[in-house]
Amino acid sequence: MFDSIIFDLDGTLWDSSLEVAASFNKVIREKYPSVAEVTVQQLESLFGKPLYEIAESLFQNVSKEMAYQIIDDCCDYECIYLAEHGARLYDGLEETLCELAKKYPLFIVSNCQEGYIQCFFQAYPNLRKYFVDFEYPGRSGKLKADNICMVVERNSLHNPVYVGDTQGDADAAKKAGVPFIFARYGFGEVKEYKDAIDSIKELIDKLK
């Protein structure tokens, strides 16, 4: 029996790909007009990877240093944009979190920059109360497996489960020694998992 649930964010709790593309492309048009704009499809294939790995994939025609500068600028505006506009929450998210939080402490661990999880809560302040803690590389300087371990240790969790949508999520959970539930409705494909869900709402019955 699990005693806690740790969630990924992108592709698990919300889909921000349309809004992230819009915010990135505004920055690119205004500051880097010689750089090709990004597409939603590109972002969907890259969500969940470390930030500078995403930069190298998106901006291959410039130096790594320039790619990192571009994505840093894009992410600064992205957080402002998402805090104001929000993104697409998966159907039944709040009802599911409300029900799960009655039985389990809930957490978020995402491979994101400083401010990204915070802008999720700024856009949807009603969701903040369901989460006990969260961690991310922009604050810790560590990647997902280590951040999962940090949350586990910091909150004295004994039998957590991680819910995510990519192979990177599955690999991080395995490295952290945490069972993995695959959110098939998200962006990725996963080879090995303890269980799978086709909507966030299915977690309620899966974890009864």
N, C-alpha and C. Protein backbone atom coordinates (compact mmCIF):
# COMPACT_ATOMS: atom_id res chain seq x y z
N MET A 1 0.84 -1.19 0.00
CA MET A 1 0.00 0.00 0.00
C MET A 1 0.88 1.25 0.00
N PHE A 2 0.60 2.17 -0.91
CA PHE A 2 1.37 3.41 -0.98
C PHE A 2 0.95 4.35 0.15
N ASP A 3 1.91 5.18 0.57
CA ASP A 3 1.58 6.15 1.62
C ASP A 3 1.63 7.59 1.12
N SER A 4 1.95 7.78 -0.18
CA SER A 4 2.07 9.13 -0.72
C SER A 4 2.16 9.05 -2.24
N ILE A 5 1.86 10.18 -2.91
CA ILE A 5 1.88 10.23 -4.37
C ILE A 5 2.71 11.43 -4.80
N ILE A 6 3.69 11.17 -5.67
CA ILE A 6 4.51 12.24 -6.25
C ILE A 6 4.15 12.34 -7.73
N PHE A 7 3.82 13.54 -8.18
CA PHE A 7 3.41 13.76 -9.56
C PHE A 7 4.48 14.50 -10.36
N ASP A 8 4.61 14.13 -11.62
CA ASP A 8 5.20 14.99 -12.63
C ASP A 8 4.19 16.11 -12.92
N LEU A 9 4.60 17.14 -13.65
CA LEU A 9 3.67 18.23 -13.96
C LEU A 9 3.22 18.20 -15.42
N ASP A 10 4.13 18.46 -16.36
CA ASP A 10 3.76 18.49 -17.78
C ASP A 10 3.38 17.10 -18.27
N GLY A 11 2.22 17.01 -18.91
CA GLY A 11 1.76 15.73 -19.42
C GLY A 11 1.16 14.83 -18.37
N THR A 12 1.07 15.34 -17.14
CA THR A 12 0.51 14.54 -16.04
C THR A 12 -0.60 15.30 -15.33
N LEU A 13 -0.33 16.55 -14.95
CA LEU A 13 -1.35 17.39 -14.32
C LEU A 13 -1.94 18.40 -15.29
N TRP A 14 -1.09 18.91 -16.21
CA TRP A 14 -1.61 19.84 -17.22
C TRP A 14 -0.85 19.66 -18.52
N ASP A 15 -1.42 20.21 -19.60
CA ASP A 15 -0.77 20.27 -20.91
C ASP A 15 -0.57 21.74 -21.24
N SER A 16 0.67 22.19 -21.14
CA SER A 16 0.97 23.61 -21.39
C SER A 16 1.66 23.82 -22.73
N SER A 17 1.66 22.81 -23.60
CA SER A 17 2.46 22.88 -24.82
C SER A 17 2.04 24.04 -25.72
N LEU A 18 0.75 24.29 -25.87
CA LEU A 18 0.28 25.39 -26.72
C LEU A 18 0.72 26.73 -26.16
N GLU A 19 0.57 26.90 -24.86
CA GLU A 19 0.92 28.16 -24.22
C GLU A 19 2.44 28.37 -24.17
N VAL A 20 3.19 27.31 -23.94
CA VAL A 20 4.65 27.43 -23.93
C VAL A 20 5.15 27.82 -25.33
N ALA A 21 4.59 27.19 -26.36
CA ALA A 21 4.99 27.54 -27.73
C ALA A 21 4.69 29.01 -28.01
N ALA A 22 3.52 29.49 -27.60
CA ALA A 22 3.15 30.89 -27.83
C ALA A 22 4.11 31.83 -27.12
N SER A 23 4.45 31.51 -25.88
CA SER A 23 5.35 32.39 -25.12
C SER A 23 6.78 32.35 -25.67
N PHE A 24 7.26 31.16 -26.00
CA PHE A 24 8.60 31.04 -26.59
C PHE A 24 8.69 31.83 -27.90
N ASN A 25 7.68 31.68 -28.75
CA ASN A 25 7.74 32.30 -30.07
C ASN A 25 7.65 33.82 -30.00
N LYS A 26 6.98 34.35 -29.01
CA LYS A 26 6.96 35.81 -28.82
C LYS A 26 8.37 36.31 -28.52
N VAL A 27 9.07 35.61 -27.64
CA VAL A 27 10.45 35.99 -27.31
C VAL A 27 11.36 35.84 -28.52
N ILE A 28 11.21 34.74 -29.25
CA ILE A 28 12.05 34.50 -30.43
C ILE A 28 11.83 35.58 -31.48
N ARG A 29 10.57 35.92 -31.74
CA ARG A 29 10.28 36.96 -32.74
C ARG A 29 10.88 38.31 -32.34
N GLU A 30 10.79 38.63 -31.07
CA GLU A 30 11.22 39.95 -30.62
C GLU A 30 12.72 40.06 -30.38
N LYS A 31 13.36 38.97 -29.94
CA LYS A 31 14.77 39.07 -29.55
C LYS A 31 15.71 38.27 -30.45
N TYR A 32 15.19 37.23 -31.10
CA TYR A 32 16.05 36.35 -31.89
C TYR A 32 15.39 36.07 -33.25
N PRO A 33 15.17 37.11 -34.07
CA PRO A 33 14.38 36.93 -35.30
C PRO A 33 15.02 35.99 -36.32
N SER A 34 16.32 35.72 -36.20
CA SER A 34 16.96 34.81 -37.15
C SER A 34 16.81 33.34 -36.74
N VAL A 35 16.25 33.11 -35.56
CA VAL A 35 16.07 31.75 -35.04
C VAL A 35 14.67 31.24 -35.39
N ALA A 36 14.58 29.99 -35.82
CA ALA A 36 13.28 29.42 -36.18
C ALA A 36 12.39 29.30 -34.96
N GLU A 37 11.10 29.60 -35.15
CA GLU A 37 10.14 29.45 -34.07
C GLU A 37 9.93 27.96 -33.75
N VAL A 38 9.42 27.70 -32.57
CA VAL A 38 9.21 26.31 -32.14
C VAL A 38 7.77 25.90 -32.40
N THR A 39 7.54 24.60 -32.48
CA THR A 39 6.19 24.09 -32.69
C THR A 39 5.71 23.34 -31.45
N VAL A 40 4.41 23.21 -31.35
CA VAL A 40 3.82 22.44 -30.26
C VAL A 40 4.32 21.00 -30.30
N GLN A 41 4.43 20.46 -31.50
CA GLN A 41 4.86 19.06 -31.64
C GLN A 41 6.29 18.87 -31.14
N GLN A 42 7.16 19.83 -31.43
CA GLN A 42 8.53 19.76 -30.91
C GLN A 42 8.53 19.74 -29.39
N LEU A 43 7.77 20.64 -28.80
CA LEU A 43 7.74 20.74 -27.35
C LEU A 43 7.20 19.47 -26.71
N GLU A 44 6.14 18.92 -27.30
CA GLU A 44 5.54 17.71 -26.74
C GLU A 44 6.54 16.56 -26.72
N SER A 45 7.42 16.52 -27.72
CA SER A 45 8.41 15.44 -27.77
C SER A 45 9.57 15.65 -26.80
N LEU A 46 9.68 16.87 -26.27
CA LEU A 46 10.82 17.21 -25.42
C LEU A 46 10.47 17.43 -23.96
N PHE A 47 9.18 17.64 -23.67
CA PHE A 47 8.79 17.87 -22.28
C PHE A 47 9.29 16.75 -21.38
N GLY A 48 9.79 17.14 -20.22
CA GLY A 48 10.29 16.16 -19.27
C GLY A 48 11.80 16.01 -19.28
N LYS A 49 12.45 16.49 -20.36
CA LYS A 49 13.90 16.43 -20.43
C LYS A 49 14.50 17.62 -19.67
N PRO A 50 15.76 17.52 -19.27
CA PRO A 50 16.42 18.68 -18.64
C PRO A 50 16.39 19.89 -19.57
N LEU A 51 16.32 21.07 -18.99
CA LEU A 51 16.08 22.30 -19.75
C LEU A 51 17.11 22.53 -20.85
N TYR A 52 18.39 22.39 -20.54
CA TYR A 52 19.39 22.70 -21.56
C TYR A 52 19.48 21.62 -22.63
N GLU A 53 19.03 20.43 -22.31
CA GLU A 53 18.90 19.39 -23.34
C GLU A 53 17.79 19.78 -24.32
N ILE A 54 16.71 20.34 -23.80
CA ILE A 54 15.64 20.85 -24.66
C ILE A 54 16.18 21.97 -25.54
N ALA A 55 16.97 22.87 -24.96
CA ALA A 55 17.54 23.99 -25.72
C ALA A 55 18.38 23.49 -26.89
N GLU A 56 19.22 22.50 -26.64
CA GLU A 56 20.08 21.97 -27.70
C GLU A 56 19.27 21.33 -28.82
N SER A 57 18.13 20.73 -28.48
CA SER A 57 17.28 20.11 -29.50
C SER A 57 16.51 21.16 -30.30
N LEU A 58 16.04 22.20 -29.63
CA LEU A 58 15.22 23.22 -30.30
C LEU A 58 16.04 24.16 -31.17
N PHE A 59 17.24 24.50 -30.70
CA PHE A 59 18.01 25.58 -31.34
C PHE A 59 19.35 25.03 -31.83
N GLN A 60 19.28 24.15 -32.81
CA GLN A 60 20.47 23.44 -33.27
C GLN A 60 21.36 24.27 -34.18
N ASN A 61 20.84 25.38 -34.70
CA ASN A 61 21.61 26.19 -35.65
C ASN A 61 22.39 27.31 -35.00
N VAL A 62 22.45 27.31 -33.68
CA VAL A 62 23.26 28.29 -32.95
C VAL A 62 24.17 27.53 -31.98
N SER A 63 25.12 28.24 -31.40
CA SER A 63 26.01 27.60 -30.44
C SER A 63 25.23 27.15 -29.21
N LYS A 64 25.82 26.23 -28.45
CA LYS A 64 25.16 25.78 -27.22
C LYS A 64 24.95 26.95 -26.27
N GLU A 65 25.94 27.82 -26.18
CA GLU A 65 25.82 28.96 -25.28
C GLU A 65 24.65 29.84 -25.67
N MET A 66 24.51 30.09 -26.99
CA MET A 66 23.39 30.90 -27.46
C MET A 66 22.06 30.18 -27.24
N ALA A 67 22.04 28.87 -27.47
CA ALA A 67 20.81 28.09 -27.24
C ALA A 67 20.38 28.20 -25.79
N TYR A 68 21.34 28.14 -24.88
CA TYR A 68 21.01 28.24 -23.46
C TYR A 68 20.48 29.64 -23.13
N GLN A 69 21.08 30.67 -23.74
CA GLN A 69 20.60 32.04 -23.50
C GLN A 69 19.18 32.21 -24.01
N ILE A 70 18.91 31.66 -25.20
CA ILE A 70 17.57 31.78 -25.78
C ILE A 70 16.54 31.11 -24.87
N ILE A 71 16.84 29.90 -24.43
CA ILE A 71 15.83 29.21 -23.62
C ILE A 71 15.68 29.85 -22.25
N ASP A 72 16.75 30.41 -21.71
CA ASP A 72 16.62 31.14 -20.45
C ASP A 72 15.67 32.33 -20.61
N ASP A 73 15.84 33.08 -21.70
CA ASP A 73 14.96 34.22 -21.96
C ASP A 73 13.53 33.76 -22.19
N CYS A 74 13.38 32.67 -22.95
CA CYS A 74 12.04 32.14 -23.22
C CYS A 74 11.36 31.71 -21.92
N CYS A 75 12.11 31.06 -21.05
CA CYS A 75 11.52 30.55 -19.81
C CYS A 75 11.15 31.67 -18.84
N ASP A 76 11.92 32.75 -18.86
CA ASP A 76 11.56 33.90 -18.02
C ASP A 76 10.18 34.41 -18.39
N TYR A 77 9.95 34.56 -19.70
CA TYR A 77 8.64 35.06 -20.14
C TYR A 77 7.57 33.98 -20.02
N GLU A 78 7.95 32.74 -20.25
CA GLU A 78 7.00 31.62 -20.14
C GLU A 78 6.29 31.63 -18.79
N CYS A 79 7.04 31.84 -17.72
CA CYS A 79 6.45 31.82 -16.38
C CYS A 79 5.46 32.96 -16.20
N ILE A 80 5.81 34.13 -16.72
CA ILE A 80 4.89 35.27 -16.66
C ILE A 80 3.61 34.95 -17.43
N TYR A 81 3.78 34.40 -18.63
CA TYR A 81 2.65 34.09 -19.51
C TYR A 81 1.74 33.03 -18.89
N LEU A 82 2.33 31.96 -18.38
CA LEU A 82 1.53 30.88 -17.81
C LEU A 82 0.82 31.31 -16.54
N ALA A 83 1.47 32.12 -15.73
CA ALA A 83 0.83 32.60 -14.50
C ALA A 83 -0.42 33.40 -14.83
N GLU A 84 -0.38 34.12 -15.95
CA GLU A 84 -1.52 34.95 -16.35
C GLU A 84 -2.57 34.16 -17.11
N HIS A 85 -2.14 33.31 -18.03
CA HIS A 85 -3.07 32.65 -18.94
C HIS A 85 -3.43 31.22 -18.53
N GLY A 86 -2.61 30.58 -17.69
CA GLY A 86 -2.85 29.19 -17.36
C GLY A 86 -2.59 28.29 -18.56
N ALA A 87 -3.04 27.05 -18.48
CA ALA A 87 -2.89 26.08 -19.56
C ALA A 87 -4.05 25.09 -19.43
N ARG A 88 -3.97 23.98 -20.16
CA ARG A 88 -5.08 23.03 -20.13
C ARG A 88 -4.88 22.01 -19.01
N LEU A 89 -5.71 22.13 -17.98
CA LEU A 89 -5.71 21.12 -16.93
C LEU A 89 -6.38 19.85 -17.46
N TYR A 90 -5.86 18.70 -17.09
CA TYR A 90 -6.51 17.46 -17.53
C TYR A 90 -7.85 17.30 -16.83
N ASP A 91 -8.80 16.73 -17.56
CA ASP A 91 -10.18 16.62 -17.09
C ASP A 91 -10.25 15.94 -15.73
N GLY A 92 -10.98 16.57 -14.82
CA GLY A 92 -11.18 15.98 -13.50
C GLY A 92 -10.03 16.15 -12.55
N LEU A 93 -9.08 17.05 -12.89
CA LEU A 93 -7.88 17.17 -12.07
C LEU A 93 -8.19 17.57 -10.63
N GLU A 94 -8.91 18.67 -10.44
CA GLU A 94 -9.10 19.13 -9.07
C GLU A 94 -9.91 18.13 -8.25
N GLU A 95 -10.94 17.56 -8.85
CA GLU A 95 -11.74 16.58 -8.12
C GLU A 95 -10.89 15.38 -7.70
N THR A 96 -9.99 14.97 -8.61
CA THR A 96 -9.10 13.84 -8.30
C THR A 96 -8.13 14.19 -7.19
N LEU A 97 -7.51 15.36 -7.27
CA LEU A 97 -6.57 15.78 -6.23
C LEU A 97 -7.27 15.90 -4.88
N CYS A 98 -8.47 16.45 -4.89
CA CYS A 98 -9.24 16.61 -3.66
C CYS A 98 -9.50 15.26 -3.01
N GLU A 99 -9.89 14.29 -3.82
CA GLU A 99 -10.19 12.95 -3.30
C GLU A 99 -8.92 12.25 -2.81
N LEU A 100 -7.86 12.32 -3.60
CA LEU A 100 -6.61 11.66 -3.22
C LEU A 100 -6.00 12.27 -1.96
N ALA A 101 -6.12 13.59 -1.85
CA ALA A 101 -5.50 14.29 -0.71
C ALA A 101 -6.16 13.94 0.62
N LYS A 102 -7.35 13.36 0.56
CA LYS A 102 -8.00 12.91 1.80
C LYS A 102 -7.26 11.72 2.41
N LYS A 103 -6.54 11.00 1.55
CA LYS A 103 -5.88 9.76 2.00
C LYS A 103 -4.36 9.82 1.92
N TYR A 104 -3.84 10.59 0.95
CA TYR A 104 -2.40 10.62 0.71
C TYR A 104 -1.86 12.05 0.72
N PRO A 105 -0.67 12.28 1.26
CA PRO A 105 0.02 13.54 0.98
C PRO A 105 0.48 13.54 -0.47
N LEU A 106 0.33 14.68 -1.13
CA LEU A 106 0.64 14.80 -2.56
C LEU A 106 1.84 15.72 -2.77
N PHE A 107 2.63 15.42 -3.81
CA PHE A 107 3.86 16.16 -4.08
C PHE A 107 4.02 16.33 -5.59
N ILE A 108 4.88 17.28 -5.99
CA ILE A 108 5.26 17.44 -7.39
C ILE A 108 6.78 17.42 -7.49
N VAL A 109 7.31 16.63 -8.42
CA VAL A 109 8.72 16.70 -8.80
C VAL A 109 8.76 16.79 -10.32
N SER A 110 9.28 17.91 -10.84
CA SER A 110 9.29 18.17 -12.27
C SER A 110 10.67 18.64 -12.70
N ASN A 111 11.08 18.29 -13.91
CA ASN A 111 12.37 18.75 -14.45
C ASN A 111 12.22 20.16 -15.02
N CYS A 112 11.96 21.13 -14.18
CA CYS A 112 11.66 22.47 -14.67
C CYS A 112 12.58 23.51 -14.05
N GLN A 113 12.48 24.71 -14.60
CA GLN A 113 13.28 25.83 -14.13
C GLN A 113 12.61 26.52 -12.94
N GLU A 114 13.36 27.43 -12.34
CA GLU A 114 12.83 28.23 -11.25
C GLU A 114 11.56 28.96 -11.71
N GLY A 115 10.52 28.87 -10.91
CA GLY A 115 9.30 29.62 -11.17
C GLY A 115 8.20 28.86 -11.90
N TYR A 116 8.53 27.70 -12.50
CA TYR A 116 7.54 27.02 -13.34
C TYR A 116 6.43 26.38 -12.51
N ILE A 117 6.78 25.64 -11.47
CA ILE A 117 5.74 25.07 -10.61
C ILE A 117 4.98 26.20 -9.92
N GLN A 118 5.69 27.25 -9.55
CA GLN A 118 5.04 28.38 -8.90
C GLN A 118 4.01 29.05 -9.83
N CYS A 119 4.31 29.13 -11.12
CA CYS A 119 3.34 29.75 -12.03
C CYS A 119 2.12 28.86 -12.24
N PHE A 120 2.30 27.54 -12.12
CA PHE A 120 1.16 26.62 -12.12
C PHE A 120 0.23 26.97 -10.96
N PHE A 121 0.80 27.20 -9.80
CA PHE A 121 -0.02 27.55 -8.63
C PHE A 121 -0.55 28.99 -8.71
N GLN A 122 0.17 29.88 -9.37
CA GLN A 122 -0.35 31.24 -9.56
C GLN A 122 -1.57 31.23 -10.47
N ALA A 123 -1.50 30.42 -11.51
CA ALA A 123 -2.63 30.33 -12.45
C ALA A 123 -3.82 29.62 -11.82
N TYR A 124 -3.54 28.65 -10.94
CA TYR A 124 -4.60 27.86 -10.31
C TYR A 124 -4.37 27.80 -8.80
N PRO A 125 -4.56 28.93 -8.11
CA PRO A 125 -4.26 28.97 -6.66
C PRO A 125 -5.10 28.00 -5.85
N ASN A 126 -6.24 27.59 -6.40
CA ASN A 126 -7.10 26.62 -5.70
C ASN A 126 -6.45 25.25 -5.59
N LEU A 127 -5.42 24.98 -6.39
CA LEU A 127 -4.77 23.66 -6.36
C LEU A 127 -3.62 23.59 -5.37
N ARG A 128 -3.12 24.73 -4.92
CA ARG A 128 -1.93 24.74 -4.05
C ARG A 128 -2.15 23.95 -2.76
N LYS A 129 -3.36 24.03 -2.23
CA LYS A 129 -3.62 23.41 -0.92
C LYS A 129 -3.52 21.89 -0.94
N TYR A 130 -3.55 21.29 -2.12
CA TYR A 130 -3.50 19.83 -2.19
C TYR A 130 -2.08 19.28 -2.11
N PHE A 131 -1.07 20.13 -2.26
CA PHE A 131 0.31 19.66 -2.34
C PHE A 131 1.11 20.07 -1.12
N VAL A 132 1.78 19.09 -0.54
CA VAL A 132 2.57 19.31 0.67
C VAL A 132 3.92 19.94 0.35
N ASP A 133 4.52 19.53 -0.77
CA ASP A 133 5.89 19.93 -1.07
C ASP A 133 6.13 19.72 -2.56
N PHE A 134 7.17 20.36 -3.08
CA PHE A 134 7.56 20.13 -4.47
C PHE A 134 9.05 20.41 -4.62
N GLU A 135 9.64 19.85 -5.69
CA GLU A 135 11.07 20.07 -5.95
C GLU A 135 11.33 20.05 -7.44
N TYR A 136 12.44 20.69 -7.86
CA TYR A 136 12.75 20.84 -9.28
C TYR A 136 14.20 21.27 -9.42
N PRO A 137 14.82 21.03 -10.59
CA PRO A 137 16.24 21.34 -10.76
C PRO A 137 16.58 22.81 -10.62
N GLY A 138 15.64 23.69 -11.01
CA GLY A 138 15.91 25.12 -10.92
C GLY A 138 16.20 25.58 -9.51
N ARG A 139 15.73 24.85 -8.53
CA ARG A 139 15.99 25.19 -7.13
C ARG A 139 17.10 24.31 -6.54
N SER A 140 17.02 23.02 -6.80
CA SER A 140 17.94 22.08 -6.14
C SER A 140 19.27 21.92 -6.87
N GLY A 141 19.27 22.20 -8.19
CA GLY A 141 20.46 21.93 -8.98
C GLY A 141 20.63 20.46 -9.31
N LYS A 142 19.63 19.65 -8.99
CA LYS A 142 19.69 18.20 -9.22
C LYS A 142 18.61 17.79 -10.22
N LEU A 143 18.78 16.62 -10.82
CA LEU A 143 17.79 16.11 -11.76
C LEU A 143 16.74 15.27 -11.03
N LYS A 144 15.84 14.70 -11.82
CA LYS A 144 14.59 14.18 -11.25
C LYS A 144 14.78 13.07 -10.22
N ALA A 145 15.62 12.11 -10.48
CA ALA A 145 15.78 11.00 -9.52
C ALA A 145 16.22 11.52 -8.16
N ASP A 146 17.20 12.42 -8.16
CA ASP A 146 17.68 12.99 -6.90
C ASP A 146 16.60 13.84 -6.23
N ASN A 147 15.82 14.54 -7.04
CA ASN A 147 14.75 15.37 -6.47
C ASN A 147 13.64 14.53 -5.87
N ILE A 148 13.34 13.39 -6.49
CA ILE A 148 12.39 12.46 -5.89
C ILE A 148 12.91 12.00 -4.53
N CYS A 149 14.19 11.64 -4.49
CA CYS A 149 14.79 11.20 -3.22
C CYS A 149 14.75 12.30 -2.17
N MET A 150 14.98 13.54 -2.60
CA MET A 150 14.94 14.66 -1.66
C MET A 150 13.56 14.82 -1.04
N VAL A 151 12.53 14.72 -1.88
CA VAL A 151 11.16 14.85 -1.38
C VAL A 151 10.82 13.69 -0.44
N VAL A 152 11.24 12.50 -0.81
CA VAL A 152 11.00 11.32 0.04
C VAL A 152 11.66 11.51 1.41
N GLU A 153 12.91 11.92 1.41
CA GLU A 153 13.64 12.07 2.67
C GLU A 153 13.11 13.24 3.50
N ARG A 154 12.86 14.35 2.83
CA ARG A 154 12.42 15.57 3.53
C ARG A 154 11.08 15.38 4.22
N ASN A 155 10.25 14.53 3.62
CA ASN A 155 8.89 14.34 4.15
C ASN A 155 8.69 12.99 4.82
N SER A 156 9.78 12.26 5.02
CA SER A 156 9.75 10.96 5.72
C SER A 156 8.73 10.01 5.10
N LEU A 157 8.76 9.90 3.77
CA LEU A 157 7.86 9.00 3.06
C LEU A 157 8.44 7.59 3.08
N HIS A 158 7.59 6.60 3.26
CA HIS A 158 8.04 5.22 3.35
C HIS A 158 7.71 4.40 2.10
N ASN A 159 6.60 4.70 1.45
CA ASN A 159 6.20 3.90 0.30
C ASN A 159 5.49 4.78 -0.73
N PRO A 160 6.22 5.72 -1.33
CA PRO A 160 5.60 6.61 -2.31
C PRO A 160 5.47 5.95 -3.68
N VAL A 161 4.64 6.55 -4.53
CA VAL A 161 4.55 6.16 -5.93
C VAL A 161 4.70 7.42 -6.76
N TYR A 162 5.34 7.28 -7.93
CA TYR A 162 5.54 8.42 -8.82
C TYR A 162 4.64 8.26 -10.04
N VAL A 163 3.94 9.33 -10.41
CA VAL A 163 3.04 9.32 -11.57
C VAL A 163 3.61 10.27 -12.61
N GLY A 164 3.91 9.73 -13.80
CA GLY A 164 4.47 10.55 -14.87
C GLY A 164 4.15 9.98 -16.23
N ASP A 165 4.63 10.65 -17.28
CA ASP A 165 4.18 10.29 -18.62
C ASP A 165 5.31 9.99 -19.61
N THR A 166 6.57 10.03 -19.18
CA THR A 166 7.66 9.81 -20.13
C THR A 166 8.61 8.73 -19.63
N GLN A 167 9.45 8.25 -20.57
CA GLN A 167 10.45 7.26 -20.19
C GLN A 167 11.44 7.86 -19.19
N GLY A 168 11.72 9.16 -19.34
CA GLY A 168 12.58 9.82 -18.37
C GLY A 168 12.00 9.79 -16.97
N ASP A 169 10.68 9.95 -16.87
CA ASP A 169 10.02 9.85 -15.57
C ASP A 169 10.17 8.45 -15.00
N ALA A 170 9.94 7.46 -15.85
CA ALA A 170 10.04 6.06 -15.41
C ALA A 170 11.46 5.73 -14.96
N ASP A 171 12.45 6.21 -15.73
CA ASP A 171 13.85 5.94 -15.38
C ASP A 171 14.22 6.61 -14.06
N ALA A 172 13.75 7.85 -13.86
CA ALA A 172 14.06 8.57 -12.62
C ALA A 172 13.42 7.88 -11.42
N ALA A 173 12.18 7.45 -11.58
CA ALA A 173 11.50 6.75 -10.48
C ALA A 173 12.24 5.46 -10.13
N LYS A 174 12.65 4.72 -11.16
CA LYS A 174 13.38 3.47 -10.93
C LYS A 174 14.70 3.74 -10.20
N LYS A 175 15.42 4.77 -10.64
CA LYS A 175 16.69 5.11 -10.00
C LYS A 175 16.49 5.52 -8.55
N ALA A 176 15.35 6.17 -8.28
CA ALA A 176 15.04 6.61 -6.92
C ALA A 176 14.45 5.49 -6.07
N GLY A 177 14.17 4.34 -6.69
CA GLY A 177 13.60 3.21 -5.96
C GLY A 177 12.13 3.37 -5.65
N VAL A 178 11.42 4.09 -6.54
CA VAL A 178 10.01 4.39 -6.32
C VAL A 178 9.18 3.76 -7.44
N PRO A 179 8.10 3.03 -7.13
CA PRO A 179 7.24 2.47 -8.18
C PRO A 179 6.68 3.57 -9.07
N PHE A 180 6.40 3.21 -10.34
CA PHE A 180 6.00 4.20 -11.35
C PHE A 180 4.64 3.84 -11.94
N ILE A 181 3.75 4.83 -11.98
CA ILE A 181 2.47 4.70 -12.68
C ILE A 181 2.55 5.57 -13.93
N PHE A 182 2.31 4.97 -15.08
CA PHE A 182 2.43 5.62 -16.38
C PHE A 182 1.12 6.33 -16.73
N ALA A 183 1.20 7.66 -16.92
CA ALA A 183 0.05 8.45 -17.39
C ALA A 183 0.04 8.39 -18.92
N ARG A 184 -0.71 7.44 -19.46
CA ARG A 184 -0.69 7.20 -20.90
C ARG A 184 -1.28 8.34 -21.70
N TYR A 185 -2.05 9.20 -21.05
CA TYR A 185 -2.69 10.33 -21.74
C TYR A 185 -1.72 11.48 -21.99
N GLY A 186 -0.48 11.37 -21.49
CA GLY A 186 0.49 12.46 -21.61
C GLY A 186 1.25 12.42 -22.92
N PHE A 187 2.53 12.78 -22.87
CA PHE A 187 3.31 13.02 -24.09
C PHE A 187 4.18 11.85 -24.52
N GLY A 188 4.49 10.91 -23.64
CA GLY A 188 5.53 9.95 -23.94
C GLY A 188 5.08 8.51 -24.07
N GLU A 189 6.06 7.67 -24.35
CA GLU A 189 5.90 6.22 -24.36
C GLU A 189 6.83 5.64 -23.30
N VAL A 190 6.35 4.64 -22.59
CA VAL A 190 7.13 4.06 -21.50
C VAL A 190 7.14 2.54 -21.66
N LYS A 191 8.32 1.94 -21.44
CA LYS A 191 8.46 0.49 -21.63
C LYS A 191 8.03 -0.31 -20.41
N GLU A 192 8.43 0.13 -19.24
CA GLU A 192 8.14 -0.64 -18.02
C GLU A 192 7.47 0.25 -16.99
N TYR A 193 6.43 -0.27 -16.36
CA TYR A 193 5.73 0.50 -15.32
C TYR A 193 4.95 -0.47 -14.45
N LYS A 194 4.67 -0.03 -13.24
CA LYS A 194 3.92 -0.87 -12.31
C LYS A 194 2.45 -0.92 -12.70
N ASP A 195 1.92 0.24 -13.14
CA ASP A 195 0.52 0.34 -13.53
C ASP A 195 0.40 1.50 -14.50
N ALA A 196 -0.77 1.64 -15.13
CA ALA A 196 -0.98 2.72 -16.09
C ALA A 196 -2.39 3.26 -15.95
N ILE A 197 -2.54 4.54 -16.29
CA ILE A 197 -3.85 5.18 -16.29
C ILE A 197 -4.05 5.91 -17.61
N ASP A 198 -5.30 5.97 -18.06
CA ASP A 198 -5.64 6.67 -19.29
C ASP A 198 -6.32 8.00 -19.03
N SER A 199 -6.54 8.32 -17.77
CA SER A 199 -6.97 9.66 -17.35
C SER A 199 -6.58 9.83 -15.90
N ILE A 200 -6.40 11.07 -15.49
CA ILE A 200 -6.00 11.33 -14.10
C ILE A 200 -7.04 10.78 -13.13
N LYS A 201 -8.30 10.77 -13.56
CA LYS A 201 -9.38 10.33 -12.67
C LYS A 201 -9.25 8.86 -12.28
N GLU A 202 -8.59 8.07 -13.13
CA GLU A 202 -8.44 6.64 -12.84
C GLU A 202 -7.59 6.37 -11.61
N LEU A 203 -6.80 7.35 -11.19
CA LEU A 203 -5.95 7.15 -10.01
C LEU A 203 -6.77 6.83 -8.77
N ILE A 204 -7.96 7.41 -8.67
CA ILE A 204 -8.77 7.22 -7.47
C ILE A 204 -9.07 5.74 -7.25
N ASP A 205 -9.50 5.06 -8.32
CA ASP A 205 -9.80 3.63 -8.19
C ASP A 205 -8.53 2.79 -8.12
N LYS A 206 -7.49 3.19 -8.85
CA LYS A 206 -6.24 2.42 -8.85
C LYS A 206 -5.62 2.37 -7.46
N LEU A 207 -5.78 3.45 -6.70
CA LEU A 207 -5.09 3.55 -5.42
C LEU A 207 -6.00 3.32 -4.23
N LYS A 208 -7.18 2.76 -4.47
CA LYS A 208 -8.08 2.45 -3.36
C LYS A 208 -7.49 1.34 -2.51
